[in-house]
């Protein structure tokens, strides 16, 4: 068996593949933003009666409807903006993942009753 190496095969072996990771990084970080905003709205509703009343978009659900509504808006808007800015670019997924985990951690902390009730 003989190996024939062409210029094209050599070129393929020496070039690196560019992987656009911007869209994935945008999806990661925007999900973290959504969770963080949900935590902010939860704590805000406990701290301020005005915020609690403003978040009451539908009486049977109370302020939960506004909390989740604003969190979903923050997630979708941040995803659209970040995806538009980063689409086709190479981004560090490890960094995006760490930022996402920090935002999710803060969001969960802000929805933890012992934390938000300490502001009452």
N, C-alpha and C. Protein backbone atom coordinates (compact mmCIF):
# COMPACT_ATOMS: atom_id res chain seq x y z
N UNK A 1 0.84 -1.17 0.00
CA UNK A 1 0.00 0.00 0.00
C UNK A 1 0.89 1.24 0.00
N UNK A 2 0.68 2.10 -0.95
CA UNK A 2 1.45 3.32 -1.06
C UNK A 2 0.64 4.52 -0.60
N UNK A 3 1.35 5.44 0.02
CA UNK A 3 0.71 6.67 0.46
C UNK A 3 1.09 7.79 -0.49
N UNK A 4 0.10 8.41 -1.06
CA UNK A 4 0.33 9.54 -1.95
C UNK A 4 -0.12 10.79 -1.22
N UNK A 5 0.80 11.72 -1.02
CA UNK A 5 0.49 12.95 -0.32
C UNK A 5 0.44 14.08 -1.34
N UNK A 6 -0.69 14.70 -1.40
CA UNK A 6 -0.84 15.84 -2.30
C UNK A 6 -0.72 17.12 -1.51
N UNK A 7 -0.59 18.20 -2.23
CA UNK A 7 -0.51 19.51 -1.59
C UNK A 7 -1.78 19.81 -0.82
N UNK A 8 -2.90 19.42 -1.37
CA UNK A 8 -4.18 19.66 -0.72
C UNK A 8 -4.28 18.88 0.59
N UNK A 9 -3.83 17.64 0.62
CA UNK A 9 -3.86 16.84 1.85
C UNK A 9 -2.93 17.43 2.91
N UNK A 10 -1.77 17.93 2.48
CA UNK A 10 -0.84 18.57 3.42
C UNK A 10 -1.49 19.82 4.01
N UNK A 11 -2.17 20.58 3.17
CA UNK A 11 -2.82 21.81 3.63
C UNK A 11 -3.91 21.49 4.66
N UNK A 12 -4.70 20.46 4.41
CA UNK A 12 -5.74 20.07 5.35
C UNK A 12 -5.15 19.63 6.69
N UNK A 13 -4.01 18.98 6.65
CA UNK A 13 -3.39 18.49 7.88
C UNK A 13 -2.79 19.61 8.72
N UNK A 14 -2.41 20.71 8.09
CA UNK A 14 -1.74 21.78 8.82
C UNK A 14 -2.67 22.91 9.23
N UNK A 15 -3.85 23.00 8.67
CA UNK A 15 -4.75 24.09 9.03
C UNK A 15 -5.61 23.68 10.21
N UNK A 16 -5.90 24.64 11.05
CA UNK A 16 -6.77 24.35 12.20
C UNK A 16 -8.20 24.71 11.82
N UNK A 17 -9.12 24.03 12.44
CA UNK A 17 -10.52 24.27 12.18
C UNK A 17 -11.03 25.37 13.11
N UNK A 18 -11.69 26.35 12.52
CA UNK A 18 -12.28 27.44 13.30
C UNK A 18 -13.69 27.01 13.71
N UNK A 19 -13.92 26.97 15.00
CA UNK A 19 -15.24 26.59 15.50
C UNK A 19 -15.87 27.83 16.11
N UNK A 20 -17.01 28.21 15.58
CA UNK A 20 -17.72 29.37 16.09
C UNK A 20 -18.48 28.96 17.36
N UNK A 21 -18.01 29.43 18.49
CA UNK A 21 -18.61 29.07 19.78
C UNK A 21 -19.40 30.23 20.38
N UNK A 22 -19.50 31.33 19.66
CA UNK A 22 -20.18 32.51 20.18
C UNK A 22 -21.65 32.26 20.48
N UNK A 23 -22.33 31.53 19.60
CA UNK A 23 -23.76 31.26 19.82
C UNK A 23 -23.96 30.41 21.08
N UNK A 24 -23.09 29.44 21.30
CA UNK A 24 -23.19 28.61 22.50
C UNK A 24 -22.91 29.43 23.75
N UNK A 25 -21.88 30.28 23.70
CA UNK A 25 -21.57 31.14 24.84
C UNK A 25 -22.73 32.08 25.14
N UNK A 26 -23.36 32.60 24.09
CA UNK A 26 -24.52 33.48 24.28
C UNK A 26 -25.67 32.73 24.95
N UNK A 27 -25.89 31.50 24.56
CA UNK A 27 -26.96 30.70 25.16
C UNK A 27 -26.66 30.41 26.63
N UNK A 28 -25.40 30.06 26.93
CA UNK A 28 -25.02 29.81 28.33
C UNK A 28 -25.27 31.04 29.19
N UNK A 29 -24.65 32.14 28.80
CA UNK A 29 -24.67 33.35 29.64
C UNK A 29 -26.09 33.91 29.75
N UNK A 30 -26.86 33.88 28.68
CA UNK A 30 -28.22 34.41 28.75
C UNK A 30 -29.09 33.59 29.70
N UNK A 31 -28.85 32.28 29.77
CA UNK A 31 -29.62 31.48 30.74
C UNK A 31 -29.26 31.88 32.16
N UNK A 32 -27.99 32.14 32.41
CA UNK A 32 -27.57 32.61 33.72
C UNK A 32 -28.17 33.97 34.06
N UNK A 33 -28.25 34.85 33.06
CA UNK A 33 -28.87 36.16 33.27
C UNK A 33 -30.34 36.00 33.64
N UNK A 34 -31.04 35.10 32.98
CA UNK A 34 -32.45 34.86 33.30
C UNK A 34 -32.65 34.39 34.73
N UNK A 35 -31.81 33.47 35.18
CA UNK A 35 -31.91 32.97 36.56
C UNK A 35 -31.58 34.09 37.55
N UNK A 36 -30.55 34.87 37.25
CA UNK A 36 -30.16 35.96 38.14
C UNK A 36 -31.28 37.00 38.26
N UNK A 37 -31.90 37.35 37.14
CA UNK A 37 -33.00 38.33 37.16
C UNK A 37 -34.19 37.78 37.95
N UNK A 38 -34.45 36.49 37.83
CA UNK A 38 -35.53 35.89 38.63
C UNK A 38 -35.23 36.04 40.12
N UNK A 39 -33.98 35.82 40.49
CA UNK A 39 -33.59 36.01 41.89
C UNK A 39 -33.73 37.47 42.33
N UNK A 40 -33.32 38.39 41.46
CA UNK A 40 -33.48 39.82 41.78
C UNK A 40 -34.95 40.19 41.99
N UNK A 41 -35.80 39.68 41.12
CA UNK A 41 -37.24 39.99 41.23
C UNK A 41 -37.83 39.38 42.49
N UNK A 42 -37.38 38.20 42.86
CA UNK A 42 -37.89 37.54 44.07
C UNK A 42 -37.50 38.34 45.31
N UNK A 43 -36.23 38.72 45.38
CA UNK A 43 -35.78 39.51 46.52
C UNK A 43 -36.42 40.90 46.50
N UNK A 44 -36.51 41.50 45.33
CA UNK A 44 -37.13 42.82 45.20
C UNK A 44 -38.56 42.83 45.66
N UNK A 45 -39.31 41.77 45.36
CA UNK A 45 -40.71 41.70 45.78
C UNK A 45 -40.83 41.57 47.29
N UNK A 46 -39.83 40.99 47.92
CA UNK A 46 -39.86 40.87 49.38
C UNK A 46 -39.43 42.17 50.06
N UNK A 47 -38.55 42.90 49.42
CA UNK A 47 -38.02 44.13 50.01
C UNK A 47 -38.99 45.29 49.84
N UNK A 48 -39.64 45.37 48.69
CA UNK A 48 -40.46 46.54 48.38
C UNK A 48 -41.89 46.14 48.05
N UNK A 49 -42.82 46.73 48.74
CA UNK A 49 -44.24 46.50 48.46
C UNK A 49 -44.61 47.03 47.08
N UNK A 50 -43.98 48.13 46.67
CA UNK A 50 -44.23 48.69 45.35
C UNK A 50 -43.82 47.75 44.22
N UNK A 51 -42.65 47.12 44.38
CA UNK A 51 -42.19 46.15 43.38
C UNK A 51 -43.11 44.94 43.38
N UNK A 52 -43.50 44.50 44.57
CA UNK A 52 -44.40 43.35 44.67
C UNK A 52 -45.71 43.63 43.95
N UNK A 53 -46.27 44.82 44.13
CA UNK A 53 -47.53 45.18 43.47
C UNK A 53 -47.33 45.32 41.96
N UNK A 54 -46.20 45.88 41.54
CA UNK A 54 -45.93 46.04 40.11
C UNK A 54 -45.75 44.68 39.41
N UNK A 55 -45.29 43.69 40.14
CA UNK A 55 -45.08 42.37 39.56
C UNK A 55 -46.35 41.53 39.54
N UNK A 56 -47.43 42.02 40.12
CA UNK A 56 -48.69 41.29 40.12
C UNK A 56 -49.40 41.54 38.79
N UNK A 57 -49.04 40.76 37.78
CA UNK A 57 -49.61 40.92 36.44
C UNK A 57 -50.93 40.16 36.29
N UNK A 58 -51.14 39.16 37.13
CA UNK A 58 -52.34 38.33 37.06
C UNK A 58 -52.67 37.90 38.47
N UNK A 59 -53.83 38.35 38.99
CA UNK A 59 -54.18 38.15 40.40
C UNK A 59 -54.11 36.71 40.89
N UNK A 60 -54.58 35.70 40.16
CA UNK A 60 -54.48 34.34 40.70
C UNK A 60 -53.03 33.88 40.97
N UNK A 61 -52.08 34.38 40.21
CA UNK A 61 -50.68 33.98 40.43
C UNK A 61 -49.93 34.96 41.31
N UNK A 62 -50.45 36.15 41.46
CA UNK A 62 -49.78 37.17 42.27
C UNK A 62 -48.49 37.65 41.62
N UNK A 63 -47.52 38.07 42.43
CA UNK A 63 -46.28 38.62 41.88
C UNK A 63 -45.42 37.59 41.14
N UNK A 64 -45.72 36.30 41.29
CA UNK A 64 -44.96 35.28 40.58
C UNK A 64 -45.07 35.47 39.07
N UNK A 65 -46.22 35.94 38.61
CA UNK A 65 -46.39 36.15 37.17
C UNK A 65 -45.42 37.21 36.65
N UNK A 66 -45.23 38.27 37.37
CA UNK A 66 -44.30 39.32 36.95
C UNK A 66 -42.85 38.91 37.12
N UNK A 67 -42.55 38.19 38.21
CA UNK A 67 -41.17 37.72 38.43
C UNK A 67 -40.71 36.86 37.27
N UNK A 68 -41.50 35.86 36.94
CA UNK A 68 -41.11 34.95 35.86
C UNK A 68 -41.20 35.64 34.50
N UNK A 69 -42.16 36.52 34.33
CA UNK A 69 -42.28 37.25 33.07
C UNK A 69 -41.07 38.11 32.78
N UNK A 70 -40.61 38.84 33.77
CA UNK A 70 -39.43 39.70 33.59
C UNK A 70 -38.18 38.85 33.41
N UNK A 71 -38.08 37.73 34.14
CA UNK A 71 -36.93 36.84 33.98
C UNK A 71 -36.87 36.26 32.57
N UNK A 72 -38.01 35.87 32.04
CA UNK A 72 -38.06 35.33 30.67
C UNK A 72 -37.69 36.41 29.67
N UNK A 73 -38.20 37.62 29.86
CA UNK A 73 -37.83 38.73 28.97
C UNK A 73 -36.32 39.00 29.02
N UNK A 74 -35.76 39.00 30.21
CA UNK A 74 -34.31 39.23 30.35
C UNK A 74 -33.52 38.14 29.64
N UNK A 75 -33.97 36.88 29.79
CA UNK A 75 -33.30 35.76 29.14
C UNK A 75 -33.36 35.89 27.62
N UNK A 76 -34.56 36.13 27.09
CA UNK A 76 -34.72 36.19 25.63
C UNK A 76 -33.97 37.39 25.05
N UNK A 77 -34.10 38.55 25.67
CA UNK A 77 -33.43 39.75 25.15
C UNK A 77 -31.92 39.60 25.21
N UNK A 78 -31.41 39.09 26.33
CA UNK A 78 -29.96 38.93 26.44
C UNK A 78 -29.47 37.87 25.45
N UNK A 79 -30.24 36.83 25.22
CA UNK A 79 -29.85 35.81 24.25
C UNK A 79 -29.81 36.40 22.84
N UNK A 80 -30.83 37.18 22.48
CA UNK A 80 -30.85 37.79 21.15
C UNK A 80 -29.67 38.75 20.95
N UNK A 81 -29.42 39.58 21.94
CA UNK A 81 -28.33 40.57 21.84
C UNK A 81 -26.97 39.88 21.79
N UNK A 82 -26.71 38.97 22.73
CA UNK A 82 -25.42 38.30 22.77
C UNK A 82 -25.21 37.43 21.52
N UNK A 83 -26.25 36.74 21.09
CA UNK A 83 -26.12 35.92 19.89
C UNK A 83 -25.82 36.78 18.67
N UNK A 84 -26.47 37.92 18.58
CA UNK A 84 -26.21 38.84 17.46
C UNK A 84 -24.76 39.35 17.49
N UNK A 85 -24.28 39.67 18.68
CA UNK A 85 -22.92 40.20 18.81
C UNK A 85 -21.86 39.14 18.59
N UNK A 86 -22.12 37.91 19.02
CA UNK A 86 -21.08 36.87 19.03
C UNK A 86 -21.23 35.80 17.95
N UNK A 87 -22.32 35.83 17.17
CA UNK A 87 -22.53 34.77 16.17
C UNK A 87 -21.36 34.73 15.19
N UNK A 88 -20.85 33.55 14.95
CA UNK A 88 -19.75 33.37 14.03
C UNK A 88 -18.38 33.62 14.64
N UNK A 89 -18.34 34.04 15.89
CA UNK A 89 -17.07 34.30 16.56
C UNK A 89 -16.68 33.12 17.45
N UNK A 90 -15.42 33.10 17.77
CA UNK A 90 -14.93 32.08 18.70
C UNK A 90 -14.86 32.70 20.08
N UNK A 91 -15.54 32.10 21.03
CA UNK A 91 -15.56 32.56 22.42
C UNK A 91 -15.08 31.44 23.33
N UNK A 92 -14.52 31.80 24.45
CA UNK A 92 -14.03 30.81 25.42
C UNK A 92 -15.24 30.21 26.14
N UNK A 93 -15.57 28.98 25.81
CA UNK A 93 -16.73 28.34 26.43
C UNK A 93 -16.52 28.08 27.91
N UNK A 94 -15.28 27.83 28.30
CA UNK A 94 -15.01 27.61 29.73
C UNK A 94 -15.35 28.86 30.53
N UNK A 95 -14.93 30.02 30.05
CA UNK A 95 -15.24 31.28 30.72
C UNK A 95 -16.74 31.54 30.72
N UNK A 96 -17.39 31.31 29.59
CA UNK A 96 -18.84 31.51 29.52
C UNK A 96 -19.56 30.59 30.50
N UNK A 97 -19.08 29.36 30.62
CA UNK A 97 -19.70 28.41 31.54
C UNK A 97 -19.50 28.84 33.00
N UNK A 98 -18.33 29.34 33.33
CA UNK A 98 -18.07 29.80 34.70
C UNK A 98 -18.94 31.01 35.02
N UNK A 99 -19.04 31.95 34.09
CA UNK A 99 -19.90 33.13 34.29
C UNK A 99 -21.34 32.67 34.50
N UNK A 100 -21.77 31.71 33.70
CA UNK A 100 -23.14 31.18 33.82
C UNK A 100 -23.36 30.55 35.19
N UNK A 101 -22.41 29.75 35.65
CA UNK A 101 -22.56 29.12 36.97
C UNK A 101 -22.61 30.15 38.09
N UNK A 102 -21.81 31.21 37.99
CA UNK A 102 -21.83 32.27 39.00
C UNK A 102 -23.19 32.96 39.00
N UNK A 103 -23.71 33.29 37.80
CA UNK A 103 -25.02 33.94 37.72
C UNK A 103 -26.13 33.05 38.25
N UNK A 104 -26.08 31.76 37.93
CA UNK A 104 -27.08 30.82 38.44
C UNK A 104 -26.97 30.71 39.96
N UNK A 105 -25.75 30.63 40.47
CA UNK A 105 -25.55 30.57 41.92
C UNK A 105 -26.11 31.78 42.64
N UNK A 106 -25.84 32.97 42.09
CA UNK A 106 -26.39 34.19 42.69
C UNK A 106 -27.91 34.22 42.59
N UNK A 107 -28.43 33.79 41.45
CA UNK A 107 -29.88 33.76 41.28
C UNK A 107 -30.56 32.83 42.27
N UNK A 108 -29.97 31.65 42.47
CA UNK A 108 -30.54 30.71 43.45
C UNK A 108 -30.44 31.28 44.85
N UNK A 109 -29.32 31.91 45.17
CA UNK A 109 -29.17 32.54 46.49
C UNK A 109 -30.26 33.59 46.71
N UNK A 110 -30.54 34.39 45.69
CA UNK A 110 -31.54 35.45 45.81
C UNK A 110 -32.97 34.90 45.92
N UNK A 111 -33.19 33.65 45.54
CA UNK A 111 -34.52 33.05 45.71
C UNK A 111 -34.62 32.19 46.96
N UNK A 112 -33.55 32.10 47.72
CA UNK A 112 -33.50 31.27 48.92
C UNK A 112 -34.18 32.04 50.06
N UNK A 113 -35.28 31.51 50.64
CA UNK A 113 -36.04 32.26 51.64
C UNK A 113 -35.22 32.84 52.80
N UNK A 114 -34.29 32.11 53.42
CA UNK A 114 -33.53 32.76 54.50
C UNK A 114 -32.77 34.00 54.03
N UNK A 115 -32.39 34.04 52.76
CA UNK A 115 -31.67 35.21 52.27
C UNK A 115 -32.62 36.37 52.06
N UNK A 116 -33.69 36.17 51.29
CA UNK A 116 -34.55 37.33 50.97
C UNK A 116 -35.41 37.77 52.13
N UNK A 117 -35.69 36.89 53.09
CA UNK A 117 -36.46 37.32 54.26
C UNK A 117 -35.61 38.15 55.23
N UNK A 118 -34.30 38.09 55.09
CA UNK A 118 -33.45 38.91 55.95
C UNK A 118 -33.56 40.39 55.60
N UNK A 119 -34.15 40.71 54.45
CA UNK A 119 -34.34 42.11 54.06
C UNK A 119 -35.68 42.67 54.50
N UNK A 120 -36.56 41.84 55.05
CA UNK A 120 -37.88 42.32 55.48
C UNK A 120 -37.79 43.23 56.66
